[in-house]
Amino acid sequence: MGTKAQILIIEDDVDTSEAMKLTLESQDYTVLTADNPRDGIEKARAEKPVLIIL
């Protein structure tokens, strides 16, 4: 099997972030989250996600 595509969600609202994460994980994506832009940039540089949702 191939590697799951990684998606990064940068969202400060915990409920919104969690809802998006659960939805995407149910579609077999690996989901990373950050609750502020600084952490989001660090994760994006380190992990190289295929998609970033702001």
PDB file of N, CA and C in Angstrom:
ATOM      1  N   MET A   1       0.835  -1.177   0.000  1.00  0.00           N
ATOM      2  CA  MET A   1       0.000   0.000   0.000  1.00  0.00           C
ATOM      3  C   MET A   1       0.880   1.241   0.000  1.00  0.00           C
ATOM      4  N   GLY A   2       0.352   2.332  -0.585  1.00  0.00           N
ATOM      5  CA  GLY A   2       1.086   3.583  -0.653  1.00  0.00           C
ATOM      6  C   GLY A   2       0.974   4.380   0.631  1.00  0.00           C
ATOM      7  N   THR A   3       1.744   5.423   0.667  1.00  0.00           N
ATOM      8  CA  THR A   3       1.718   6.327   1.806  1.00  0.00           C
ATOM      9  C   THR A   3       0.493   7.224   1.711  1.00  0.00           C
ATOM     10  N   LYS A   4      -0.143   7.457   2.839  1.00  0.00           N
ATOM     11  CA  LYS A   4      -1.296   8.352   2.869  1.00  0.00           C
ATOM     12  C   LYS A   4      -0.845   9.784   2.614  1.00  0.00           C
ATOM     13  N   ALA A   5      -1.656  10.527   1.871  1.00  0.00           N
ATOM     14  CA  ALA A   5      -1.361  11.940   1.640  1.00  0.00           C
ATOM     15  C   ALA A   5      -1.563  12.716   2.935  1.00  0.00           C
ATOM     16  N   GLN A   6      -0.650  13.646   3.203  1.00  0.00           N
ATOM     17  CA  GLN A   6      -0.750  14.467   4.407  1.00  0.00           C
ATOM     18  C   GLN A   6      -1.416  15.801   4.085  1.00  0.00           C
ATOM     19  N   ILE A   7      -2.325  16.199   4.954  1.00  0.00           N
ATOM     20  CA  ILE A   7      -2.990  17.492   4.852  1.00  0.00           C
ATOM     21  C   ILE A   7      -2.752  18.232   6.156  1.00  0.00           C
ATOM     22  N   LEU A   8      -2.412  19.505   6.045  1.00  0.00           N
ATOM     23  CA  LEU A   8      -2.194  20.352   7.212  1.00  0.00           C
ATOM     24  C   LEU A   8      -3.363  21.320   7.349  1.00  0.00           C
ATOM     25  N   ILE A   9      -3.972  21.337   8.517  1.00  0.00           N
ATOM     26  CA  ILE A   9      -5.044  22.283   8.823  1.00  0.00           C
ATOM     27  C   ILE A   9      -4.490  23.320   9.789  1.00  0.00           C
ATOM     28  N   ILE A  10      -4.581  24.593   9.408  1.00  0.00           N
ATOM     29  CA  ILE A  10      -4.188  25.686  10.298  1.00  0.00           C
ATOM     30  C   ILE A  10      -5.472  26.415  10.671  1.00  0.00           C
ATOM     31  N   GLU A  11      -5.909  26.217  11.896  1.00  0.00           N
ATOM     32  CA  GLU A  11      -7.209  26.745  12.352  1.00  0.00           C
ATOM     33  C   GLU A  11      -7.151  26.963  13.855  1.00  0.00           C
ATOM     34  N   ASP A  12      -7.542  28.152  14.294  1.00  0.00           N
ATOM     35  CA  ASP A  12      -7.482  28.441  15.728  1.00  0.00           C
ATOM     36  C   ASP A  12      -8.716  27.984  16.498  1.00  0.00           C
ATOM     37  N   ASP A  13      -9.790  27.672  15.793  1.00  0.00           N
ATOM     38  CA  ASP A  13     -10.986  27.168  16.465  1.00  0.00           C
ATOM     39  C   ASP A  13     -10.878  25.645  16.597  1.00  0.00           C
ATOM     40  N   VAL A  14     -10.804  25.169  17.812  1.00  0.00           N
ATOM     41  CA  VAL A  14     -10.572  23.746  18.075  1.00  0.00           C
ATOM     42  C   VAL A  14     -11.695  22.875  17.511  1.00  0.00           C
ATOM     43  N   ASP A  15     -12.937  23.292  17.669  1.00  0.00           N
ATOM     44  CA  ASP A  15     -14.060  22.491  17.178  1.00  0.00           C
ATOM     45  C   ASP A  15     -14.034  22.363  15.653  1.00  0.00           C
ATOM     46  N   THR A  16     -13.762  23.459  14.970  1.00  0.00           N
ATOM     47  CA  THR A  16     -13.687  23.433  13.505  1.00  0.00           C
ATOM     48  C   THR A  16     -12.536  22.551  13.045  1.00  0.00           C
ATOM     49  N   SER A  17     -11.392  22.718  13.675  1.00  0.00           N
ATOM     50  CA  SER A  17     -10.218  21.928  13.328  1.00  0.00           C
ATOM     51  C   SER A  17     -10.476  20.439  13.524  1.00  0.00           C
ATOM     52  N   GLU A  18     -11.075  20.082  14.638  1.00  0.00           N
ATOM     53  CA  GLU A  18     -11.353  18.673  14.939  1.00  0.00           C
ATOM     54  C   GLU A  18     -12.364  18.086  13.957  1.00  0.00           C
ATOM     55  N   ALA A  19     -13.385  18.855  13.596  1.00  0.00           N
ATOM     56  CA  ALA A  19     -14.388  18.371  12.637  1.00  0.00           C
ATOM     57  C   ALA A  19     -13.747  18.107  11.275  1.00  0.00           C
ATOM     58  N   MET A  20     -12.907  19.033  10.823  1.00  0.00           N
ATOM     59  CA  MET A  20     -12.225  18.832   9.541  1.00  0.00           C
ATOM     60  C   MET A  20     -11.283  17.638   9.612  1.00  0.00           C
ATOM     61  N   LYS A  21     -10.567  17.515  10.718  1.00  0.00           N
ATOM     62  CA  LYS A  21      -9.625  16.405  10.886  1.00  0.00           C
ATOM     63  C   LYS A  21     -10.347  15.059  10.821  1.00  0.00           C
ATOM     64  N   LEU A  22     -11.436  14.924  11.561  1.00  0.00           N
ATOM     65  CA  LEU A  22     -12.183  13.662  11.561  1.00  0.00           C
ATOM     66  C   LEU A  22     -12.725  13.327  10.177  1.00  0.00           C
ATOM     67  N   THR A  23     -13.230  14.339   9.483  1.00  0.00           N
ATOM     68  CA  THR A  23     -13.766  14.122   8.136  1.00  0.00           C
ATOM     69  C   THR A  23     -12.676  13.648   7.183  1.00  0.00           C
ATOM     70  N   LEU A  24     -11.537  14.304   7.207  1.00  0.00           N
ATOM     71  CA  LEU A  24     -10.448  13.935   6.299  1.00  0.00           C
ATOM     72  C   LEU A  24      -9.841  12.581   6.653  1.00  0.00           C
ATOM     73  N   GLU A  25      -9.699  12.295   7.939  1.00  0.00           N
ATOM     74  CA  GLU A  25      -9.174  10.987   8.341  1.00  0.00           C
ATOM     75  C   GLU A  25     -10.112   9.862   7.913  1.00  0.00           C
ATOM     76  N   SER A  26     -11.403  10.123   7.906  1.00  0.00           N
ATOM     77  CA  SER A  26     -12.356   9.095   7.466  1.00  0.00           C
ATOM     78  C   SER A  26     -12.210   8.807   5.971  1.00  0.00           C
ATOM     79  N   GLN A  27     -11.571   9.724   5.248  1.00  0.00           N
ATOM     80  CA  GLN A  27     -11.308   9.536   3.820  1.00  0.00           C
ATOM     81  C   GLN A  27      -9.874   9.056   3.578  1.00  0.00           C
ATOM     82  N   ASP A  28      -9.229   8.586   4.642  1.00  0.00           N
ATOM     83  CA  ASP A  28      -7.906   7.957   4.593  1.00  0.00           C
ATOM     84  C   ASP A  28      -6.741   8.922   4.353  1.00  0.00           C
ATOM     85  N   TYR A  29      -6.874  10.160   4.823  1.00  0.00           N
ATOM     86  CA  TYR A  29      -5.767  11.109   4.792  1.00  0.00           C
ATOM     87  C   TYR A  29      -5.081  11.137   6.153  1.00  0.00           C
ATOM     88  N   THR A  30      -3.806  11.454   6.153  1.00  0.00           N
ATOM     89  CA  THR A  30      -3.098  11.754   7.388  1.00  0.00           C
ATOM     90  C   THR A  30      -3.243  13.255   7.602  1.00  0.00           C
ATOM     91  N   VAL A  31      -3.720  13.648   8.772  1.00  0.00           N
ATOM     92  CA  VAL A  31      -4.013  15.058   9.020  1.00  0.00           C
ATOM     93  C   VAL A  31      -3.127  15.602  10.131  1.00  0.00           C
ATOM     94  N   LEU A  32      -2.481  16.706   9.828  1.00  0.00           N
ATOM     95  CA  LEU A  32      -1.696  17.455  10.799  1.00  0.00           C
ATOM     96  C   LEU A  32      -2.482  18.711  11.139  1.00  0.00           C
ATOM     97  N   THR A  33      -2.360  19.194  12.363  1.00  0.00           N
ATOM     98  CA  THR A  33      -3.063  20.420  12.730  1.00  0.00           C
ATOM     99  C   THR A  33      -2.112  21.395  13.409  1.00  0.00           C
ATOM    100  N   ALA A  34      -2.441  22.664  13.265  1.00  0.00           N
ATOM    101  CA  ALA A  34      -1.742  23.742  13.959  1.00  0.00           C
ATOM    102  C   ALA A  34      -2.793  24.776  14.326  1.00  0.00           C
ATOM    103  N   ASP A  35      -2.643  25.367  15.511  1.00  0.00           N
ATOM    104  CA  ASP A  35      -3.653  26.331  15.937  1.00  0.00           C
ATOM    105  C   ASP A  35      -3.211  27.782  15.779  1.00  0.00           C
ATOM    106  N   ASN A  36      -2.049  27.977  15.130  1.00  0.00           N
ATOM    107  CA  ASN A  36      -1.612  29.343  14.841  1.00  0.00           C
ATOM    108  C   ASN A  36      -0.677  29.320  13.629  1.00  0.00           C
ATOM    109  N   PRO A  37      -0.539  30.457  12.950  1.00  0.00           N
ATOM    110  CA  PRO A  37       0.266  30.497  11.723  1.00  0.00           C
ATOM    111  C   PRO A  37       1.729  30.103  11.921  1.00  0.00           C
ATOM    112  N   ARG A  38       2.328  30.510  13.006  1.00  0.00           N
ATOM    113  CA  ARG A  38       3.745  30.193  13.239  1.00  0.00           C
ATOM    114  C   ARG A  38       3.962  28.679  13.298  1.00  0.00           C
ATOM    115  N   ASP A  39       3.136  27.987  14.078  1.00  0.00           N
ATOM    116  CA  ASP A  39       3.247  26.524  14.153  1.00  0.00           C
ATOM    117  C   ASP A  39       2.918  25.888  12.805  1.00  0.00           C
ATOM    118  N   GLY A  40       1.949  26.463  12.101  1.00  0.00           N
ATOM    119  CA  GLY A  40       1.581  25.950  10.785  1.00  0.00           C
ATOM    120  C   GLY A  40       2.729  26.016   9.798  1.00  0.00           C
ATOM    121  N   ILE A  41       3.445  27.132   9.793  1.00  0.00           N
ATOM    122  CA  ILE A  41       4.594  27.284   8.899  1.00  0.00           C
ATOM    123  C   ILE A  41       5.676  26.271   9.246  1.00  0.00           C
ATOM    124  N   GLU A  42       5.936  26.092  10.524  1.00  0.00           N
ATOM    125  CA  GLU A  42       6.947  25.117  10.947  1.00  0.00           C
ATOM    126  C   GLU A  42       6.568  23.708  10.505  1.00  0.00           C
ATOM    127  N   LYS A  43       5.305  23.335  10.706  1.00  0.00           N
ATOM    128  CA  LYS A  43       4.863  21.991  10.300  1.00  0.00           C
ATOM    129  C   LYS A  43       4.895  21.840   8.786  1.00  0.00           C
ATOM    130  N   ALA A  44       4.507  22.879   8.063  1.00  0.00           N
ATOM    131  CA  ALA A  44       4.523  22.816   6.601  1.00  0.00           C
ATOM    132  C   ALA A  44       5.941  22.613   6.081  1.00  0.00           C
ATOM    133  N   ARG A  45       6.885  23.313   6.646  1.00  0.00           N
ATOM    134  CA  ARG A  45       8.287  23.171   6.220  1.00  0.00           C
ATOM    135  C   ARG A  45       8.846  21.796   6.566  1.00  0.00           C
ATOM    136  N   ALA A  46       8.480  21.289   7.725  1.00  0.00           N
ATOM    137  CA  ALA A  46       9.026  20.005   8.179  1.00  0.00           C
ATOM    138  C   ALA A  46       8.369  18.815   7.491  1.00  0.00           C
ATOM    139  N   GLU A  47       7.062  18.867   7.314  1.00  0.00           N
ATOM    140  CA  GLU A  47       6.313  17.695   6.846  1.00  0.00           C
ATOM    141  C   GLU A  47       5.980  17.706   5.358  1.00  0.00           C
ATOM    142  N   LYS A  48       5.996  18.859   4.719  1.00  0.00           N
ATOM    143  CA  LYS A  48       5.697  18.990   3.284  1.00  0.00           C
ATOM    144  C   LYS A  48       4.334  18.370   2.916  1.00  0.00           C
ATOM    145  N   PRO A  49       3.239  18.849   3.514  1.00  0.00           N
ATOM    146  CA  PRO A  49       1.922  18.289   3.194  1.00  0.00           C
ATOM    147  C   PRO A  49       1.534  18.586   1.745  1.00  0.00           C
ATOM    148  N   VAL A  50       0.657  17.768   1.189  1.00  0.00           N
ATOM    149  CA  VAL A  50       0.200  17.985  -0.183  1.00  0.00           C
ATOM    150  C   VAL A  50      -0.851  19.087  -0.257  1.00  0.00           C
ATOM    151  N   LEU A  51      -1.466  19.411   0.882  1.00  0.00           N
ATOM    152  CA  LEU A  51      -2.504  20.439   0.921  1.00  0.00           C
ATOM    153  C   LEU A  51      -2.462  21.126   2.275  1.00  0.00           C
ATOM    154  N   ILE A  52      -2.630  22.452   2.265  1.00  0.00           N
ATOM    155  CA  ILE A  52      -2.738  23.224   3.499  1.00  0.00           C
ATOM    156  C   ILE A  52      -4.088  23.922   3.482  1.00  0.00           C
ATOM    157  N   ILE A  53      -4.864  23.719   4.534  1.00  0.00           N
ATOM    158  CA  ILE A  53      -6.171  24.360   4.670  1.00  0.00           C
ATOM    159  C   ILE A  53      -6.047  25.434   5.737  1.00  0.00           C
ATOM    160  N   LEU A  54      -6.405  26.671   5.366  1.00  0.00           N
ATOM    161  CA  LEU A  54      -6.348  27.793   6.300  1.00  0.00           C
ATOM    162  C   LEU A  54      -7.743  28.162   6.745  1.00  0.00           C
TER     163      LEU A  54
END
